[in-house]
C-alpha atoms as a PDB file:
ATOM      1  CA  UNK A   1      15.197  12.239  27.052  1.00  0.00           C
ATOM      2  CA  UNK A   2      15.560   9.103  24.956  1.00  0.00           C
ATOM      3  CA  UNK A   3      18.120  10.767  22.722  1.00  0.00           C
ATOM      4  CA  UNK A   4      20.075  11.873  25.778  1.00  0.00           C
ATOM      5  CA  UNK A   5      19.960   8.343  27.161  1.00  0.00           C
ATOM      6  CA  UNK A   6      21.653   7.100  24.006  1.00  0.00           C
ATOM      7  CA  UNK A   7      24.314   9.801  24.100  1.00  0.00           C
ATOM      8  CA  UNK A   8      25.065   9.017  27.771  1.00  0.00           C
ATOM      9  CA  UNK A   9      25.134   5.267  27.183  1.00  0.00           C
ATOM     10  CA  UNK A  10      28.146   4.000  29.143  1.00  0.00           C
ATOM     11  CA  UNK A  11      30.812   2.029  27.306  1.00  0.00           C
ATOM     12  CA  UNK A  12      33.318   1.934  30.203  1.00  0.00           C
ATOM     13  CA  UNK A  13      32.683  -1.193  32.252  1.00  0.00           C
ATOM     14  CA  UNK A  14      33.105   0.593  35.583  1.00  0.00           C
ATOM     15  CA  UNK A  15      30.610   3.289  34.591  1.00  0.00           C
ATOM     16  CA  UNK A  16      28.224   0.627  33.329  1.00  0.00           C
ATOM     17  CA  UNK A  17      28.489  -1.296  36.585  1.00  0.00           C
ATOM     18  CA  UNK A  18      27.832   1.867  38.598  1.00  0.00           C
ATOM     19  CA  UNK A  19      24.699   2.687  36.610  1.00  0.00           C
ATOM     20  CA  UNK A  20      23.497  -0.882  37.058  1.00  0.00           C
ATOM     21  CA  UNK A  21      24.123  -0.633  40.798  1.00  0.00           C
ATOM     22  CA  UNK A  22      22.099   2.579  40.966  1.00  0.00           C
ATOM     23  CA  UNK A  23      19.094   1.159  39.124  1.00  0.00           C
ATOM     24  CA  UNK A  24      19.174  -2.470  40.289  1.00  0.00           C
ATOM     25  CA  UNK A  25      20.978  -2.437  43.639  1.00  0.00           C
ATOM     26  CA  UNK A  26      23.612  -5.003  42.666  1.00  0.00           C
ATOM     27  CA  UNK A  27      27.329  -4.154  42.684  1.00  0.00           C
ATOM     28  CA  UNK A  28      29.556  -6.372  40.542  1.00  0.00           C
ATOM     29  CA  UNK A  29      32.975  -7.576  41.653  1.00  0.00           C
ATOM     30  CA  UNK A  30      33.808  -8.212  37.997  1.00  0.00           C
ATOM     31  CA  UNK A  31      32.171  -5.469  35.878  1.00  0.00           C
ATOM     32  CA  UNK A  32      33.278  -7.197  32.676  1.00  0.00           C
ATOM     33  CA  UNK A  33      30.682  -9.919  33.344  1.00  0.00           C
ATOM     34  CA  UNK A  34      27.945  -7.303  33.396  1.00  0.00           C
ATOM     35  CA  UNK A  35      29.299  -5.693  30.224  1.00  0.00           C
ATOM     36  CA  UNK A  36      29.180  -9.043  28.461  1.00  0.00           C
ATOM     37  CA  UNK A  37      25.632  -9.646  29.725  1.00  0.00           C
ATOM     38  CA  UNK A  38      24.513  -6.347  28.208  1.00  0.00           C
ATOM     39  CA  UNK A  39      26.348  -6.648  24.871  1.00  0.00           C
ATOM     40  CA  UNK A  40      24.016  -7.392  21.976  1.00  0.00           C
ATOM     41  CA  UNK A  41      25.122  -9.952  19.395  1.00  0.00           C
ATOM     42  CA  UNK A  42      25.382  -7.299  16.664  1.00  0.00           C
ATOM     43  CA  UNK A  43      28.481  -5.995  18.477  1.00  0.00           C
ATOM     44  CA  UNK A  44      31.113  -8.444  17.213  1.00  0.00           C
ATOM     45  CA  UNK A  45      34.158  -6.475  18.280  1.00  0.00           C
ATOM     46  CA  UNK A  46      34.966  -9.024  20.957  1.00  0.00           C
ATOM     47  CA  UNK A  47      33.644 -12.089  19.158  1.00  0.00           C
ATOM     48  CA  UNK A  48      30.555 -14.161  19.946  1.00  0.00           C
ATOM     49  CA  UNK A  49      31.942 -15.166  23.350  1.00  0.00           C
ATOM     50  CA  UNK A  50      31.828 -11.517  24.431  1.00  0.00           C
ATOM     51  CA  UNK A  51      28.085 -11.055  23.864  1.00  0.00           C
ATOM     52  CA  UNK A  52      25.141 -12.054  26.016  1.00  0.00           C
ATOM     53  CA  UNK A  53      24.155 -15.183  24.101  1.00  0.00           C
ATOM     54  CA  UNK A  54      26.099 -17.729  26.186  1.00  0.00           C
ATOM     55  CA  UNK A  55      25.109 -16.000  29.410  1.00  0.00           C
ATOM     56  CA  UNK A  56      21.446 -16.040  28.361  1.00  0.00           C
ATOM     57  CA  UNK A  57      21.692 -19.825  28.018  1.00  0.00           C
ATOM     58  CA  UNK A  58      22.924 -20.126  31.609  1.00  0.00           C
ATOM     59  CA  UNK A  59      20.591 -17.472  33.005  1.00  0.00           C
ATOM     60  CA  UNK A  60      17.556 -19.268  31.620  1.00  0.00           C
ATOM     61  CA  UNK A  61      18.450 -22.328  33.702  1.00  0.00           C
ATOM     62  CA  UNK A  62      19.219 -20.357  36.857  1.00  0.00           C
ATOM     63  CA  UNK A  63      15.925 -18.485  36.543  1.00  0.00           C
ATOM     64  CA  UNK A  64      13.981 -21.702  36.019  1.00  0.00           C
ATOM     65  CA  UNK A  65      15.576 -23.351  39.070  1.00  0.00           C
ATOM     66  CA  UNK A  66      14.962 -20.387  41.388  1.00  0.00           C
ATOM     67  CA  UNK A  67      11.353 -19.837  40.317  1.00  0.00           C
ATOM     68  CA  UNK A  68      10.560 -23.565  40.395  1.00  0.00           C
ATOM     69  CA  UNK A  69      11.905 -23.842  43.938  1.00  0.00           C
ATOM     70  CA  UNK A  70      10.010 -20.721  45.020  1.00  0.00           C
ATOM     71  CA  UNK A  71       6.739 -22.062  43.631  1.00  0.00           C
ATOM     72  CA  UNK A  72       7.399 -25.466  45.209  1.00  0.00           C
ATOM     73  CA  UNK A  73       7.728 -23.799  48.620  1.00  0.00           C
ATOM     74  CA  UNK A  74       4.889 -21.271  48.221  1.00  0.00           C
ATOM     75  CA  UNK A  75       2.266 -23.730  47.037  1.00  0.00           C
ATOM     76  CA  UNK A  76       2.876 -26.969  48.988  1.00  0.00           C
ATOM     77  CA  UNK A  77      -0.569 -28.353  48.226  1.00  0.00           C
ATOM     78  CA  UNK A  78      -0.356 -28.137  44.437  1.00  0.00           C
ATOM     79  CA  UNK A  79       0.527 -30.905  42.024  1.00  0.00           C
ATOM     80  CA  UNK A  80       3.090 -30.956  39.247  1.00  0.00           C
ATOM     81  CA  UNK A  81       0.684 -29.869  36.515  1.00  0.00           C
ATOM     82  CA  UNK A  82      -0.437 -26.676  38.226  1.00  0.00           C
ATOM     83  CA  UNK A  83       3.080 -25.829  39.354  1.00  0.00           C
ATOM     84  CA  UNK A  84       4.272 -26.287  35.778  1.00  0.00           C
ATOM     85  CA  UNK A  85       1.635 -23.842  34.509  1.00  0.00           C
ATOM     86  CA  UNK A  86       2.685 -21.297  37.099  1.00  0.00           C
ATOM     87  CA  UNK A  87       6.337 -21.764  36.133  1.00  0.00           C
ATOM     88  CA  UNK A  88       5.643 -21.369  32.430  1.00  0.00           C
ATOM     89  CA  UNK A  89       3.775 -18.124  33.024  1.00  0.00           C
ATOM     90  CA  UNK A  90       6.622 -16.670  35.069  1.00  0.00           C
ATOM     91  CA  UNK A  91       9.642 -17.619  32.941  1.00  0.00           C
ATOM     92  CA  UNK A  92       8.136 -17.091  29.502  1.00  0.00           C
ATOM     93  CA  UNK A  93       9.596 -14.505  27.132  1.00  0.00           C
ATOM     94  CA  UNK A  94       6.968 -11.833  27.738  1.00  0.00           C
ATOM     95  CA  UNK A  95       7.462 -11.930  31.508  1.00  0.00           C
ATOM     96  CA  UNK A  96      11.257 -11.687  31.275  1.00  0.00           C
ATOM     97  CA  UNK A  97      10.871  -8.802  28.813  1.00  0.00           C
ATOM     98  CA  UNK A  98       8.612  -7.030  31.312  1.00  0.00           C
ATOM     99  CA  UNK A  99      11.285  -7.397  33.994  1.00  0.00           C
ATOM    100  CA  UNK A 100      13.947  -6.050  31.626  1.00  0.00           C
ATOM    101  CA  UNK A 101      11.802  -3.006  30.836  1.00  0.00           C
ATOM    102  CA  UNK A 102      11.198  -2.367  34.529  1.00  0.00           C
ATOM    103  CA  UNK A 103      14.958  -2.443  35.101  1.00  0.00           C
ATOM    104  CA  UNK A 104      15.535  -0.290  31.983  1.00  0.00           C
ATOM    105  CA  UNK A 105      18.154  -2.753  30.778  1.00  0.00           C
ATOM    106  CA  UNK A 106      17.555  -1.625  27.210  1.00  0.00           C
ATOM    107  CA  UNK A 107      19.079   1.742  28.124  1.00  0.00           C
ATOM    108  CA  UNK A 108      22.260  -0.006  29.265  1.00  0.00           C
ATOM    109  CA  UNK A 109      22.519  -2.384  26.308  1.00  0.00           C
ATOM    110  CA  UNK A 110      25.717  -2.194  24.269  1.00  0.00           C
ATOM    111  CA  UNK A 111      25.091  -2.433  20.545  1.00  0.00           C
ATOM    112  CA  UNK A 112      27.344  -1.602  17.616  1.00  0.00           C
ATOM    113  CA  UNK A 113      24.647  -0.234  15.313  1.00  0.00           C
ATOM    114  CA  UNK A 114      23.081   2.643  17.212  1.00  0.00           C
ATOM    115  CA  UNK A 115      20.789   3.417  14.262  1.00  0.00           C
ATOM    116  CA  UNK A 116      19.038   0.096  14.898  1.00  0.00           C
ATOM    117  CA  UNK A 117      18.862   0.491  18.671  1.00  0.00           C
ATOM    118  CA  UNK A 118      15.152   1.306  18.752  1.00  0.00           C
ATOM    119  CA  UNK A 119      14.296  -1.768  16.687  1.00  0.00           C
ATOM    120  CA  UNK A 120      16.447  -4.013  18.869  1.00  0.00           C
ATOM    121  CA  UNK A 121      14.994  -2.586  22.069  1.00  0.00           C
ATOM    122  CA  UNK A 122      11.448  -3.167  20.798  1.00  0.00           C
ATOM    123  CA  UNK A 123      12.093  -6.911  20.538  1.00  0.00           C
ATOM    124  CA  UNK A 124      10.617  -8.965  23.364  1.00  0.00           C
ATOM    125  CA  UNK A 125      13.199 -11.653  22.608  1.00  0.00           C
ATOM    126  CA  UNK A 126      16.126  -9.266  23.065  1.00  0.00           C
ATOM    127  CA  UNK A 127      14.670  -7.834  26.260  1.00  0.00           C
ATOM    128  CA  UNK A 128      14.058 -11.314  27.664  1.00  0.00           C
ATOM    129  CA  UNK A 129      17.581 -12.383  26.716  1.00  0.00           C
ATOM    130  CA  UNK A 130      18.989  -9.342  28.536  1.00  0.00           C
ATOM    131  CA  UNK A 131      17.061 -10.285  31.664  1.00  0.00           C
ATOM    132  CA  UNK A 132      18.380 -13.848  31.610  1.00  0.00           C
ATOM    133  CA  UNK A 133      21.956 -12.882  30.748  1.00  0.00           C
ATOM    134  CA  UNK A 134      22.089 -10.424  33.653  1.00  0.00           C
ATOM    135  CA  UNK A 135      20.843 -13.160  35.979  1.00  0.00           C
ATOM    136  CA  UNK A 136      23.675 -15.412  34.762  1.00  0.00           C
ATOM    137  CA  UNK A 137      26.223 -12.636  35.267  1.00  0.00           C
ATOM    138  CA  UNK A 138      25.082 -12.146  38.873  1.00  0.00           C
ATOM    139  CA  UNK A 139      25.219 -15.906  39.426  1.00  0.00           C
ATOM    140  CA  UNK A 140      28.782 -16.159  38.091  1.00  0.00           C
ATOM    141  CA  UNK A 141      29.925 -13.047  39.928  1.00  0.00           C
ATOM    142  CA  UNK A 142      28.338 -13.653  43.334  1.00  0.00           C
ATOM    143  CA  UNK A 143      26.835 -17.126  43.457  1.00  0.00           C
ATOM    144  CA  UNK A 144      23.398 -18.708  43.546  1.00  0.00           C
ATOM    145  CA  UNK A 145      22.100 -16.982  46.676  1.00  0.00           C
ATOM    146  CA  UNK A 146      22.779 -13.526  45.232  1.00  0.00           C
ATOM    147  CA  UNK A 147      21.114 -14.544  41.980  1.00  0.00           C
ATOM    148  CA  UNK A 148      18.166 -15.937  43.941  1.00  0.00           C
ATOM    149  CA  UNK A 149      17.796 -12.717  45.919  1.00  0.00           C
ATOM    150  CA  UNK A 150      17.850 -10.644  42.731  1.00  0.00           C
ATOM    151  CA  UNK A 151      15.337 -12.886  40.952  1.00  0.00           C
ATOM    152  CA  UNK A 152      12.861 -13.015  43.821  1.00  0.00           C
ATOM    153  CA  UNK A 153      13.005  -9.256  44.359  1.00  0.00           C
ATOM    154  CA  UNK A 154      12.349  -8.617  40.655  1.00  0.00           C
ATOM    155  CA  UNK A 155       9.651 -11.285  40.292  1.00  0.00           C
ATOM    156  CA  UNK A 156       7.899 -10.764  43.637  1.00  0.00           C
ATOM    157  CA  UNK A 157       5.043  -8.640  42.196  1.00  0.00           C
ATOM    158  CA  UNK A 158       4.439 -11.331  39.576  1.00  0.00           C
ATOM    159  CA  UNK A 159       4.596 -14.082  42.187  1.00  0.00           C
ATOM    160  CA  UNK A 160       2.005 -12.242  44.260  1.00  0.00           C
ATOM    161  CA  UNK A 161      -0.307 -12.073  41.251  1.00  0.00           C
ATOM    162  CA  UNK A 162      -0.244 -15.873  41.230  1.00  0.00           C
ATOM    163  CA  UNK A 163      -1.844 -16.253  44.657  1.00  0.00           C
ATOM    164  CA  UNK A 164      -4.927 -17.246  42.680  1.00  0.00           C
ATOM    165  CA  UNK A 165      -4.373 -20.483  40.793  1.00  0.00           C
ATOM    166  CA  UNK A 166      -3.966 -20.114  37.030  1.00  0.00           C
ATOM    167  CA  UNK A 167      -7.116 -20.763  35.048  1.00  0.00           C
ATOM    168  CA  UNK A 168      -7.291 -24.248  33.604  1.00  0.00           C
ATOM    169  CA  UNK A 169      -6.102 -24.475  30.019  1.00  0.00           C
ATOM    170  CA  UNK A 170      -9.425 -25.596  28.493  1.00  0.00           C
ATOM    171  CA  UNK A 171     -11.300 -22.627  29.944  1.00  0.00           C
ATOM    172  CA  UNK A 172      -8.501 -20.238  28.998  1.00  0.00           C
ATOM    173  CA  UNK A 173      -8.452 -21.478  25.400  1.00  0.00           C
ATOM    174  CA  UNK A 174     -12.236 -21.238  25.102  1.00  0.00           C
ATOM    175  CA  UNK A 175     -12.207 -17.655  26.421  1.00  0.00           C
ATOM    176  CA  UNK A 176      -9.307 -16.760  24.117  1.00  0.00           C
ATOM    177  CA  UNK A 177     -11.249 -18.034  21.108  1.00  0.00           C
ATOM    178  CA  UNK A 178     -14.520 -16.376  22.175  1.00  0.00           C
ATOM    179  CA  UNK A 179     -12.796 -13.019  22.690  1.00  0.00           C
ATOM    180  CA  UNK A 180     -11.699 -13.169  19.055  1.00  0.00           C
ATOM    181  CA  UNK A 181     -15.071 -14.281  17.697  1.00  0.00           C
ATOM    182  CA  UNK A 182     -13.684 -17.710  16.826  1.00  0.00           C
ATOM    183  CA  UNK A 183     -15.637 -20.975  17.146  1.00  0.00           C
ATOM    184  CA  UNK A 184     -15.180 -22.992  20.349  1.00  0.00           C
ATOM    185  CA  UNK A 185     -12.406 -25.600  20.565  1.00  0.00           C
ATOM    186  CA  UNK A 186     -13.141 -29.074  19.218  1.00  0.00           C
ATOM    187  CA  UNK A 187     -11.531 -32.031  21.011  1.00  0.00           C
ATOM    188  CA  UNK A 188     -11.063 -35.483  19.522  1.00  0.00           C
ATOM    189  CA  UNK A 189      -9.540 -38.602  21.028  1.00  0.00           C
ATOM    190  CA  UNK A 190      -6.691 -39.720  18.789  1.00  0.00           C
ATOM    191  CA  UNK A 191      -5.549 -42.865  20.566  1.00  0.00           C
ATOM    192  CA  UNK A 192      -5.411 -44.777  23.820  1.00  0.00           C
ATOM    193  CA  UNK A 193      -2.474 -46.934  24.786  1.00  0.00           C
ATOM    194  CA  UNK A 194      -1.070 -48.801  27.754  1.00  0.00           C
ATOM    195  CA  UNK A 195      -2.698 -51.241  30.175  1.00  0.00           C
ATOM    196  CA  UNK A 196      -6.279 -50.786  31.346  1.00  0.00           C
ATOM    197  CA  UNK A 197      -5.183 -49.847  34.853  1.00  0.00           C
ATOM    198  CA  UNK A 198      -2.787 -47.113  33.594  1.00  0.00           C
ATOM    199  CA  UNK A 199      -3.871 -45.922  30.142  1.00  0.00           C
ATOM    200  CA  UNK A 200      -2.369 -42.997  28.214  1.00  0.00           C
ATOM    201  CA  UNK A 201      -4.762 -40.889  26.158  1.00  0.00           C
ATOM    202  CA  UNK A 202      -3.808 -38.782  23.165  1.00  0.00           C
ATOM    203  CA  UNK A 203      -6.234 -35.986  22.252  1.00  0.00           C
ATOM    204  CA  UNK A 204      -6.226 -33.329  19.566  1.00  0.00           C
ATOM    205  CA  UNK A 205      -7.797 -29.883  19.853  1.00  0.00           C
ATOM    206  CA  UNK A 206      -8.651 -27.650  16.929  1.00  0.00           C
ATOM    207  CA  UNK A 207      -9.864 -24.071  16.717  1.00  0.00           C
ATOM    208  CA  UNK A 208     -10.595 -22.618  13.302  1.00  0.00           C
ATOM    209  CA  UNK A 209      -8.220 -19.710  12.867  1.00  0.00           C
ATOM    210  CA  UNK A 210      -5.745 -20.911  15.498  1.00  0.00           C
ATOM    211  CA  UNK A 211      -4.769 -24.357  14.263  1.00  0.00           C
ATOM    212  CA  UNK A 212      -4.439 -27.693  15.992  1.00  0.00           C
ATOM    213  CA  UNK A 213      -2.389 -29.219  18.813  1.00  0.00           C
ATOM    214  CA  UNK A 214      -1.919 -32.616  20.439  1.00  0.00           C
ATOM    215  CA  UNK A 215      -1.793 -33.524  24.120  1.00  0.00           C
ATOM    216  CA  UNK A 216      -1.283 -36.652  26.193  1.00  0.00           C
ATOM    217  CA  UNK A 217      -2.346 -37.596  29.696  1.00  0.00           C
ATOM    218  CA  UNK A 218      -3.302 -40.431  32.036  1.00  0.00           C
ATOM    219  CA  UNK A 219      -6.963 -39.584  31.471  1.00  0.00           C
ATOM    220  CA  UNK A 220      -8.996 -38.064  28.687  1.00  0.00           C
ATOM    221  CA  UNK A 221      -9.523 -34.792  30.563  1.00  0.00           C
ATOM    222  CA  UNK A 222      -5.819 -34.519  31.362  1.00  0.00           C
ATOM    223  CA  UNK A 223      -4.985 -35.064  27.692  1.00  0.00           C
ATOM    224  CA  UNK A 224      -7.510 -32.386  26.700  1.00  0.00           C
ATOM    225  CA  UNK A 225      -5.932 -29.980  29.175  1.00  0.00           C
ATOM    226  CA  UNK A 226      -2.469 -30.706  27.766  1.00  0.00           C
ATOM    227  CA  UNK A 227      -3.654 -30.176  24.197  1.00  0.00           C
ATOM    228  CA  UNK A 228      -5.401 -26.919  25.097  1.00  0.00           C
ATOM    229  CA  UNK A 229      -2.323 -25.675  26.963  1.00  0.00           C
ATOM    230  CA  UNK A 230      -0.121 -26.473  23.960  1.00  0.00           C
ATOM    231  CA  UNK A 231      -2.371 -24.671  21.467  1.00  0.00           C
ATOM    232  CA  UNK A 232      -2.835 -21.680  23.757  1.00  0.00           C
ATOM    233  CA  UNK A 233       0.875 -21.319  24.474  1.00  0.00           C
ATOM    234  CA  UNK A 234       1.742 -21.534  20.769  1.00  0.00           C
ATOM    235  CA  UNK A 235      -0.917 -18.995  19.842  1.00  0.00           C
ATOM    236  CA  UNK A 236       0.143 -16.541  22.545  1.00  0.00           C
ATOM    237  CA  UNK A 237       3.789 -16.923  21.548  1.00  0.00           C
ATOM    238  CA  UNK A 238       2.996 -16.202  17.905  1.00  0.00           C
ATOM    239  CA  UNK A 239       0.996 -13.139  18.866  1.00  0.00           C
ATOM    240  CA  UNK A 240       3.754 -11.887  21.171  1.00  0.00           C
ATOM    241  CA  UNK A 241       6.268 -12.072  18.317  1.00  0.00           C
ATOM    242  CA  UNK A 242       4.182  -9.848  16.072  1.00  0.00           C
ATOM    243  CA  UNK A 243       5.487  -6.242  15.933  1.00  0.00           C
ATOM    244  CA  UNK A 244       2.199  -4.668  17.044  1.00  0.00           C
ATOM    245  CA  UNK A 245       2.454  -6.513  20.345  1.00  0.00           C
ATOM    246  CA  UNK A 246       5.273  -4.155  21.328  1.00  0.00           C
ATOM    247  CA  UNK A 247       3.178  -1.004  21.072  1.00  0.00           C
ATOM    248  CA  UNK A 248       3.916  -0.063  24.671  1.00  0.00           C
ATOM    249  CA  UNK A 249       7.680  -0.044  24.107  1.00  0.00           C
ATOM    250  CA  UNK A 250       9.319   3.348  23.931  1.00  0.00           C
ATOM    251  CA  UNK A 251      10.139   4.892  20.567  1.00  0.00           C
ATOM    252  CA  UNK A 252      13.750   6.007  20.587  1.00  0.00           C
ATOM    253  CA  UNK A 253      14.651   8.868  18.334  1.00  0.00           C
END
């Protein structure tokens, strides 16, 4: 099946657009935009401007705007910090890669070196870039409302998972460390600045085996939360970039 998918991979823009319409429900007025959004950077036949890299840059911003507005409307009682954590969870690389897999964008990707297709498709970065570049292509082809509709429909299951507020960063980091038999996080106040009525605290957090991070906040607890969030995000990102984290990706032969 995977081998057949490669043999049937569409190179004609009209055929590509039709397959995308069948799997994603969006019909392009300008199929060349979709082709560019699905062209990997190893295909240099049309130059760098004909690959998804520039579109990914735009799609990242469109995605962030749409999800931020959706969270703002869905959770009217939440402050900036909690909304920011929700946003980061939804637009991070791993989430966008999950969306791309669900849409099977990797099967539509145009790449010059077919022998390396499996390796490229196993990359969370490439999959996430495909997701964002397709969003940009829809935005340019049909406008913000069409892009918003596409994004919300694709991210709705993930948005529903967030009905429960994200766990606070300090607890999440402590559980992450404990699950890996690492010592608990150690917090240390680095500095305090500003006037007494509006101080800014800087705190460091260290976990043996994970490293150290710095956070700032208007209170010591807020600074600890920021430091924990920074260390946790960096650690999760590093783990996600390791090859074994893609074990659920398909092997293409």
